[in-house]
């Protein structure tokens, strides 16, 4: 029996199986968990909390952006941070959305709890394709209930929260959401 069982041992013995199980669990979690925490705001929608935050550009600036100045357009707020890899993975879809729907959609990246100098360093190496704002103390994120990154908040043209999504979202889903929020086709 010993010689027979030792002959059946093969390449799947040892740490290979546990490593594969862990990798599959991680992959499943990365792909599935973001979909479990999505919420469409149904019924009467609350007004999105107002804010005015500094615009972060490659060169220092004193410009600010206020949500109230964007009424009449769908606004996509991307709560993110420079250290967040899923946030970086979300950027190309948001950049494409900003470019393809520039007339009706404003995409704003709202960096969470980092100094503008850190965001400026990020901008020196990456082009987001949409304006980035600095929420240095995280107060705006807190007012929107942000507890994970990335978090996307879709604000309709009347300034009401239409949808909140946690995790990376595909371009196709983003486009469906902004159309549902009021962007003309």
C-alpha atoms as a PDB file:
ATOM      1  CA  UNK A   1       0.000   0.000   0.000  1.00  0.00           C
ATOM      2  CA  UNK A   2       2.857   2.393   0.718  1.00  0.00           C
ATOM      3  CA  UNK A   3       4.500   1.863  -2.647  1.00  0.00           C
ATOM      4  CA  UNK A   4       1.142   2.270  -4.401  1.00  0.00           C
ATOM      5  CA  UNK A   5       0.261   5.535  -2.603  1.00  0.00           C
ATOM      6  CA  UNK A   6       3.713   6.999  -3.163  1.00  0.00           C
ATOM      7  CA  UNK A   7       3.427   6.268  -6.877  1.00  0.00           C
ATOM      8  CA  UNK A   8       0.143   8.242  -7.073  1.00  0.00           C
ATOM      9  CA  UNK A   9       1.681  11.394  -5.647  1.00  0.00           C
ATOM     10  CA  UNK A  10       2.172  13.856  -8.431  1.00  0.00           C
ATOM     11  CA  UNK A  11       2.537  17.481  -9.295  1.00  0.00           C
ATOM     12  CA  UNK A  12      -0.618  18.487  -7.380  1.00  0.00           C
ATOM     13  CA  UNK A  13       0.853  17.473  -4.042  1.00  0.00           C
ATOM     14  CA  UNK A  14       2.525  19.906  -1.712  1.00  0.00           C
ATOM     15  CA  UNK A  15       1.712  23.629  -1.622  1.00  0.00           C
ATOM     16  CA  UNK A  16       0.338  23.891  -5.177  1.00  0.00           C
ATOM     17  CA  UNK A  17      -3.300  23.122  -4.325  1.00  0.00           C
ATOM     18  CA  UNK A  18      -3.552  25.483  -1.322  1.00  0.00           C
ATOM     19  CA  UNK A  19      -1.901  28.263  -3.331  1.00  0.00           C
ATOM     20  CA  UNK A  20      -4.373  27.752  -6.187  1.00  0.00           C
ATOM     21  CA  UNK A  21      -7.306  27.792  -3.763  1.00  0.00           C
ATOM     22  CA  UNK A  22      -6.098  31.070  -2.227  1.00  0.00           C
ATOM     23  CA  UNK A  23      -5.552  32.638  -5.650  1.00  0.00           C
ATOM     24  CA  UNK A  24      -9.008  31.586  -6.860  1.00  0.00           C
ATOM     25  CA  UNK A  25     -10.606  32.915  -3.660  1.00  0.00           C
ATOM     26  CA  UNK A  26      -8.786  36.233  -4.066  1.00  0.00           C
ATOM     27  CA  UNK A  27      -9.808  36.517  -7.711  1.00  0.00           C
ATOM     28  CA  UNK A  28     -13.425  35.685  -6.893  1.00  0.00           C
ATOM     29  CA  UNK A  29     -13.427  38.265  -4.115  1.00  0.00           C
ATOM     30  CA  UNK A  30     -11.930  40.932  -6.369  1.00  0.00           C
ATOM     31  CA  UNK A  31     -14.492  40.270  -9.100  1.00  0.00           C
ATOM     32  CA  UNK A  32     -17.604  39.550  -7.017  1.00  0.00           C
ATOM     33  CA  UNK A  33     -17.436  41.614  -3.828  1.00  0.00           C
ATOM     34  CA  UNK A  34     -17.706  45.025  -5.514  1.00  0.00           C
ATOM     35  CA  UNK A  35     -21.054  43.947  -7.005  1.00  0.00           C
ATOM     36  CA  UNK A  36     -22.448  43.073  -3.585  1.00  0.00           C
ATOM     37  CA  UNK A  37     -22.140  46.638  -2.297  1.00  0.00           C
ATOM     38  CA  UNK A  38     -23.878  48.593  -5.053  1.00  0.00           C
ATOM     39  CA  UNK A  39     -26.877  50.713  -4.336  1.00  0.00           C
ATOM     40  CA  UNK A  40     -29.244  52.547  -6.613  1.00  0.00           C
ATOM     41  CA  UNK A  41     -31.002  55.273  -4.716  1.00  0.00           C
ATOM     42  CA  UNK A  42     -34.707  54.569  -5.156  1.00  0.00           C
ATOM     43  CA  UNK A  43     -37.641  56.823  -4.358  1.00  0.00           C
ATOM     44  CA  UNK A  44     -37.158  60.471  -3.437  1.00  0.00           C
ATOM     45  CA  UNK A  45     -33.482  61.280  -3.793  1.00  0.00           C
ATOM     46  CA  UNK A  46     -31.570  63.435  -1.347  1.00  0.00           C
ATOM     47  CA  UNK A  47     -29.658  66.440  -2.518  1.00  0.00           C
ATOM     48  CA  UNK A  48     -25.975  65.671  -2.821  1.00  0.00           C
ATOM     49  CA  UNK A  49     -23.965  67.358  -0.057  1.00  0.00           C
ATOM     50  CA  UNK A  50     -22.530  70.659  -1.307  1.00  0.00           C
ATOM     51  CA  UNK A  51     -18.785  71.145  -1.396  1.00  0.00           C
ATOM     52  CA  UNK A  52     -16.099  73.452  -2.694  1.00  0.00           C
ATOM     53  CA  UNK A  53     -12.670  71.846  -3.036  1.00  0.00           C
ATOM     54  CA  UNK A  54      -9.327  72.952  -4.433  1.00  0.00           C
ATOM     55  CA  UNK A  55      -8.534  71.884  -7.961  1.00  0.00           C
ATOM     56  CA  UNK A  56      -5.215  70.025  -8.166  1.00  0.00           C
ATOM     57  CA  UNK A  57      -3.219  70.573 -11.318  1.00  0.00           C
ATOM     58  CA  UNK A  58       0.405  69.961 -12.289  1.00  0.00           C
ATOM     59  CA  UNK A  59       1.172  73.544 -11.230  1.00  0.00           C
ATOM     60  CA  UNK A  60      -0.127  74.986  -7.995  1.00  0.00           C
ATOM     61  CA  UNK A  61      -3.401  76.851  -8.368  1.00  0.00           C
ATOM     62  CA  UNK A  62      -5.925  78.561  -6.125  1.00  0.00           C
ATOM     63  CA  UNK A  63      -8.919  77.460  -8.213  1.00  0.00           C
ATOM     64  CA  UNK A  64     -11.771  75.654  -6.509  1.00  0.00           C
ATOM     65  CA  UNK A  65     -14.715  73.665  -7.814  1.00  0.00           C
ATOM     66  CA  UNK A  66     -18.145  73.687  -6.208  1.00  0.00           C
ATOM     67  CA  UNK A  67     -20.821  71.070  -6.846  1.00  0.00           C
ATOM     68  CA  UNK A  68     -23.517  73.760  -7.034  1.00  0.00           C
ATOM     69  CA  UNK A  69     -21.794  75.232 -10.104  1.00  0.00           C
ATOM     70  CA  UNK A  70     -22.407  71.991 -11.998  1.00  0.00           C
ATOM     71  CA  UNK A  71     -26.224  71.896 -11.779  1.00  0.00           C
ATOM     72  CA  UNK A  72     -27.834  70.875 -15.037  1.00  0.00           C
ATOM     73  CA  UNK A  73     -25.191  68.230 -15.729  1.00  0.00           C
ATOM     74  CA  UNK A  74     -24.712  64.690 -14.518  1.00  0.00           C
ATOM     75  CA  UNK A  75     -21.729  64.630 -12.167  1.00  0.00           C
ATOM     76  CA  UNK A  76     -19.646  61.545 -11.441  1.00  0.00           C
ATOM     77  CA  UNK A  77     -17.694  61.865  -8.211  1.00  0.00           C
ATOM     78  CA  UNK A  78     -14.831  59.400  -8.024  1.00  0.00           C
ATOM     79  CA  UNK A  79     -13.601  59.143  -4.431  1.00  0.00           C
ATOM     80  CA  UNK A  80     -10.059  57.761  -4.728  1.00  0.00           C
ATOM     81  CA  UNK A  81      -6.465  57.952  -3.453  1.00  0.00           C
ATOM     82  CA  UNK A  82      -3.075  57.807  -5.152  1.00  0.00           C
ATOM     83  CA  UNK A  83      -2.072  54.630  -3.265  1.00  0.00           C
ATOM     84  CA  UNK A  84      -5.260  52.748  -4.210  1.00  0.00           C
ATOM     85  CA  UNK A  85      -4.607  50.277  -7.060  1.00  0.00           C
ATOM     86  CA  UNK A  86      -8.314  49.595  -7.814  1.00  0.00           C
ATOM     87  CA  UNK A  87      -8.765  53.388  -8.023  1.00  0.00           C
ATOM     88  CA  UNK A  88      -6.039  53.554 -10.642  1.00  0.00           C
ATOM     89  CA  UNK A  89      -7.688  50.673 -12.509  1.00  0.00           C
ATOM     90  CA  UNK A  90     -10.951  52.696 -12.574  1.00  0.00           C
ATOM     91  CA  UNK A  91      -9.349  55.783 -14.124  1.00  0.00           C
ATOM     92  CA  UNK A  92      -9.309  54.743 -17.822  1.00  0.00           C
ATOM     93  CA  UNK A  93     -13.070  54.087 -17.846  1.00  0.00           C
ATOM     94  CA  UNK A  94     -13.732  57.418 -16.136  1.00  0.00           C
ATOM     95  CA  UNK A  95     -11.405  59.228 -18.530  1.00  0.00           C
ATOM     96  CA  UNK A  96     -13.237  57.701 -21.493  1.00  0.00           C
ATOM     97  CA  UNK A  97     -16.598  58.656 -19.982  1.00  0.00           C
ATOM     98  CA  UNK A  98     -15.412  62.249 -19.451  1.00  0.00           C
ATOM     99  CA  UNK A  99     -14.190  62.462 -23.044  1.00  0.00           C
ATOM    100  CA  UNK A 100     -17.137  60.802 -24.786  1.00  0.00           C
ATOM    101  CA  UNK A 101     -19.819  62.614 -22.763  1.00  0.00           C
ATOM    102  CA  UNK A 102     -18.045  65.964 -22.255  1.00  0.00           C
ATOM    103  CA  UNK A 103     -21.184  67.978 -23.077  1.00  0.00           C
ATOM    104  CA  UNK A 104     -23.409  66.373 -20.453  1.00  0.00           C
ATOM    105  CA  UNK A 105     -21.209  64.691 -17.843  1.00  0.00           C
ATOM    106  CA  UNK A 106     -18.608  66.109 -15.476  1.00  0.00           C
ATOM    107  CA  UNK A 107     -16.248  63.586 -13.926  1.00  0.00           C
ATOM    108  CA  UNK A 108     -14.387  64.734 -10.816  1.00  0.00           C
ATOM    109  CA  UNK A 109     -11.745  62.726  -9.003  1.00  0.00           C
ATOM    110  CA  UNK A 110     -11.981  63.553  -5.289  1.00  0.00           C
ATOM    111  CA  UNK A 111      -8.720  62.466  -3.673  1.00  0.00           C
ATOM    112  CA  UNK A 112      -9.217  61.319  -0.097  1.00  0.00           C
ATOM    113  CA  UNK A 113      -7.088  62.471   2.832  1.00  0.00           C
ATOM    114  CA  UNK A 114      -3.883  63.242   0.970  1.00  0.00           C
ATOM    115  CA  UNK A 115      -2.136  66.595   0.580  1.00  0.00           C
ATOM    116  CA  UNK A 116      -2.377  68.285  -2.826  1.00  0.00           C
ATOM    117  CA  UNK A 117       1.392  67.857  -3.245  1.00  0.00           C
ATOM    118  CA  UNK A 118       0.920  64.044  -3.289  1.00  0.00           C
ATOM    119  CA  UNK A 119      -1.776  64.346  -5.951  1.00  0.00           C
ATOM    120  CA  UNK A 120       0.464  66.718  -7.933  1.00  0.00           C
ATOM    121  CA  UNK A 121       3.257  64.112  -7.867  1.00  0.00           C
ATOM    122  CA  UNK A 122       0.753  61.539  -9.143  1.00  0.00           C
ATOM    123  CA  UNK A 123      -0.297  63.907 -11.940  1.00  0.00           C
ATOM    124  CA  UNK A 124       3.325  64.306 -13.010  1.00  0.00           C
ATOM    125  CA  UNK A 125       3.306  60.617 -13.981  1.00  0.00           C
ATOM    126  CA  UNK A 126      -0.369  59.962 -14.853  1.00  0.00           C
ATOM    127  CA  UNK A 127      -2.967  61.889 -16.821  1.00  0.00           C
ATOM    128  CA  UNK A 128      -6.355  61.269 -15.259  1.00  0.00           C
ATOM    129  CA  UNK A 129      -8.249  62.867 -18.164  1.00  0.00           C
ATOM    130  CA  UNK A 130     -10.623  64.719 -15.820  1.00  0.00           C
ATOM    131  CA  UNK A 131     -10.256  67.285 -12.999  1.00  0.00           C
ATOM    132  CA  UNK A 132      -8.858  66.130  -9.665  1.00  0.00           C
ATOM    133  CA  UNK A 133      -9.838  67.744  -6.384  1.00  0.00           C
ATOM    134  CA  UNK A 134      -8.199  67.501  -2.974  1.00  0.00           C
ATOM    135  CA  UNK A 135     -10.391  66.491  -0.018  1.00  0.00           C
ATOM    136  CA  UNK A 136      -7.384  66.750   2.261  1.00  0.00           C
ATOM    137  CA  UNK A 137      -9.180  66.067   5.537  1.00  0.00           C
ATOM    138  CA  UNK A 138     -11.690  63.589   4.059  1.00  0.00           C
ATOM    139  CA  UNK A 139     -14.670  65.693   5.188  1.00  0.00           C
ATOM    140  CA  UNK A 140     -16.402  65.642   1.798  1.00  0.00           C
ATOM    141  CA  UNK A 141     -15.942  61.882   1.525  1.00  0.00           C
ATOM    142  CA  UNK A 142     -17.407  61.496   5.013  1.00  0.00           C
ATOM    143  CA  UNK A 143     -20.423  63.634   4.050  1.00  0.00           C
ATOM    144  CA  UNK A 144     -21.084  61.170   1.194  1.00  0.00           C
ATOM    145  CA  UNK A 145     -20.624  58.143   3.464  1.00  0.00           C
ATOM    146  CA  UNK A 146     -17.469  56.978   1.690  1.00  0.00           C
ATOM    147  CA  UNK A 147     -16.002  54.022   3.588  1.00  0.00           C
ATOM    148  CA  UNK A 148     -14.077  52.261   0.808  1.00  0.00           C
ATOM    149  CA  UNK A 149     -12.155  53.237  -2.294  1.00  0.00           C
ATOM    150  CA  UNK A 150     -12.962  53.661  -5.037  1.00  0.00           C
ATOM    151  CA  UNK A 151     -16.477  54.901  -4.432  1.00  0.00           C
ATOM    152  CA  UNK A 152     -18.418  56.463  -7.299  1.00  0.00           C
ATOM    153  CA  UNK A 153     -21.345  58.779  -6.660  1.00  0.00           C
ATOM    154  CA  UNK A 154     -23.571  59.737  -9.596  1.00  0.00           C
ATOM    155  CA  UNK A 155     -25.356  63.065  -9.109  1.00  0.00           C
ATOM    156  CA  UNK A 156     -28.280  63.839 -11.410  1.00  0.00           C
ATOM    157  CA  UNK A 157     -28.761  67.225 -13.164  1.00  0.00           C
ATOM    158  CA  UNK A 158     -30.968  68.454 -10.296  1.00  0.00           C
ATOM    159  CA  UNK A 159     -28.149  67.873  -7.808  1.00  0.00           C
ATOM    160  CA  UNK A 160     -29.580  64.710  -6.245  1.00  0.00           C
ATOM    161  CA  UNK A 161     -27.664  61.507  -5.493  1.00  0.00           C
ATOM    162  CA  UNK A 162     -28.706  59.016  -8.163  1.00  0.00           C
ATOM    163  CA  UNK A 163     -26.364  56.079  -7.504  1.00  0.00           C
ATOM    164  CA  UNK A 164     -23.514  55.024  -5.222  1.00  0.00           C
ATOM    165  CA  UNK A 165     -21.121  52.294  -6.325  1.00  0.00           C
ATOM    166  CA  UNK A 166     -18.234  50.831  -4.333  1.00  0.00           C
ATOM    167  CA  UNK A 167     -15.410  49.166  -6.241  1.00  0.00           C
ATOM    168  CA  UNK A 168     -14.261  49.161  -9.838  1.00  0.00           C
ATOM    169  CA  UNK A 169     -17.024  49.626 -12.417  1.00  0.00           C
ATOM    170  CA  UNK A 170     -16.931  48.909 -16.135  1.00  0.00           C
ATOM    171  CA  UNK A 171     -17.299  51.611 -18.740  1.00  0.00           C
ATOM    172  CA  UNK A 172     -20.517  50.015 -19.998  1.00  0.00           C
ATOM    173  CA  UNK A 173     -22.077  50.178 -16.536  1.00  0.00           C
ATOM    174  CA  UNK A 174     -20.899  53.773 -16.035  1.00  0.00           C
ATOM    175  CA  UNK A 175     -22.473  54.770 -19.323  1.00  0.00           C
ATOM    176  CA  UNK A 176     -25.772  53.062 -18.414  1.00  0.00           C
ATOM    177  CA  UNK A 177     -25.790  54.871 -15.060  1.00  0.00           C
ATOM    178  CA  UNK A 178     -25.174  58.353 -16.483  1.00  0.00           C
ATOM    179  CA  UNK A 179     -27.844  57.815 -19.149  1.00  0.00           C
ATOM    180  CA  UNK A 180     -30.292  56.644 -16.465  1.00  0.00           C
ATOM    181  CA  UNK A 181     -29.349  59.684 -14.358  1.00  0.00           C
ATOM    182  CA  UNK A 182     -30.362  62.050 -17.133  1.00  0.00           C
ATOM    183  CA  UNK A 183     -27.766  62.220 -19.917  1.00  0.00           C
ATOM    184  CA  UNK A 184     -29.504  62.379 -23.296  1.00  0.00           C
ATOM    185  CA  UNK A 185     -28.627  59.549 -25.661  1.00  0.00           C
END
